[in-house]
Amino acid sequence: MIFGGIVLFIILTGHLIWLVERHCDRGQGSFDKRYIHGVMEGMYWAIVTASTVGYGHKVAKSWTGRFSTL
C-alpha cells in the first residue's frame, strides 16, 4: 500500500513538472517536449529530488515550475 502510494506520487509529480516546464526554452536543464521522454525525465527529477537534495542537472526554469516545487 505504501509502495503503491509512492509510485503514484512519483508518476503524478513527473506529469505535473513536465506539464509546467515543457514550454520553457531556457537552455540546459529544461524537460523534453515529447510526452514519454518528458514525463520520464519528470519522474527521474521527482525521484532524485525526493531521495536526495537533487543533482541540479534537472531543475525547474520557469517561475511557475519553481513555485510549484516549493
Protein backbone atom coordinates (compact mmCIF):
# COMPACT_ATOMS: atom_id res chain seq x y z
CA MET A 1 0.00 0.00 0.00
CA ILE A 2 2.77 2.44 0.91
CA PHE A 3 4.86 1.44 -2.11
CA GLY A 4 1.87 1.97 -4.39
CA GLY A 5 1.33 5.43 -2.91
CA ILE A 6 4.96 6.36 -3.50
CA VAL A 7 4.83 5.16 -7.12
CA LEU A 8 1.60 7.07 -7.72
CA PHE A 9 3.14 10.20 -6.20
CA ILE A 10 6.19 9.93 -8.47
CA ILE A 11 4.03 9.45 -11.57
CA LEU A 12 1.79 12.40 -10.72
CA THR A 13 4.73 14.64 -9.83
CA GLY A 14 6.53 13.69 -13.04
CA HIS A 15 3.48 14.64 -15.08
CA LEU A 16 2.98 17.89 -13.18
CA ILE A 17 6.54 19.14 -13.58
CA TRP A 18 6.54 18.16 -17.28
CA LEU A 19 3.25 19.97 -17.90
CA VAL A 20 4.58 23.12 -16.26
CA GLU A 21 8.08 23.03 -17.78
CA ARG A 22 7.53 21.63 -21.29
CA HIS A 23 7.24 25.06 -22.92
CA CYS A 24 10.27 26.53 -21.18
CA ASP A 25 13.18 27.14 -23.59
CA ARG A 26 15.87 28.30 -21.23
CA GLY A 27 18.75 26.04 -22.23
CA GLN A 28 20.03 23.01 -20.39
CA GLY A 29 18.01 21.61 -17.58
CA SER A 30 14.65 22.01 -19.23
CA PHE A 31 12.48 18.98 -19.83
CA ASP A 32 11.92 17.28 -23.19
CA LYS A 33 8.86 18.49 -25.09
CA ARG A 34 7.87 14.97 -26.19
CA TYR A 35 5.38 13.29 -23.85
CA ILE A 36 7.05 9.99 -22.95
CA HIS A 37 10.57 11.40 -22.73
CA GLY A 38 9.45 14.48 -20.83
CA VAL A 39 7.37 12.56 -18.29
CA MET A 40 10.20 10.07 -17.74
CA GLU A 41 12.56 13.00 -17.10
CA GLY A 42 9.96 14.46 -14.74
CA MET A 43 9.70 11.17 -12.85
CA TYR A 44 13.50 10.97 -12.67
CA TRP A 45 13.55 14.53 -11.33
CA ALA A 46 10.92 13.62 -8.70
CA ILE A 47 12.87 10.57 -7.52
CA VAL A 48 16.20 12.41 -7.33
CA THR A 49 14.69 15.43 -5.61
CA ALA A 50 12.73 13.36 -3.09
CA SER A 51 15.55 10.94 -2.24
CA THR A 52 18.45 13.41 -2.14
CA VAL A 53 18.93 17.13 -2.39
CA GLY A 54 18.95 16.80 -6.17
CA TYR A 55 21.87 16.81 -8.57
CA GLY A 56 20.97 20.10 -10.20
CA HIS A 57 21.06 18.92 -13.80
CA LYS A 58 17.24 18.83 -13.99
CA VAL A 59 15.72 21.94 -12.48
CA ALA A 60 12.57 23.95 -12.93
CA LYS A 61 13.35 27.01 -15.07
CA SER A 62 10.00 28.81 -15.25
CA TRP A 63 8.54 30.83 -12.39
CA THR A 64 5.51 28.53 -12.34
CA GLY A 65 7.76 25.48 -12.11
CA ARG A 66 9.89 26.99 -9.37
CA PHE A 67 6.82 27.98 -7.38
CA SER A 68 5.21 24.54 -7.75
CA THR A 69 8.34 22.80 -6.44
CA LEU A 70 8.29 24.60 -3.12
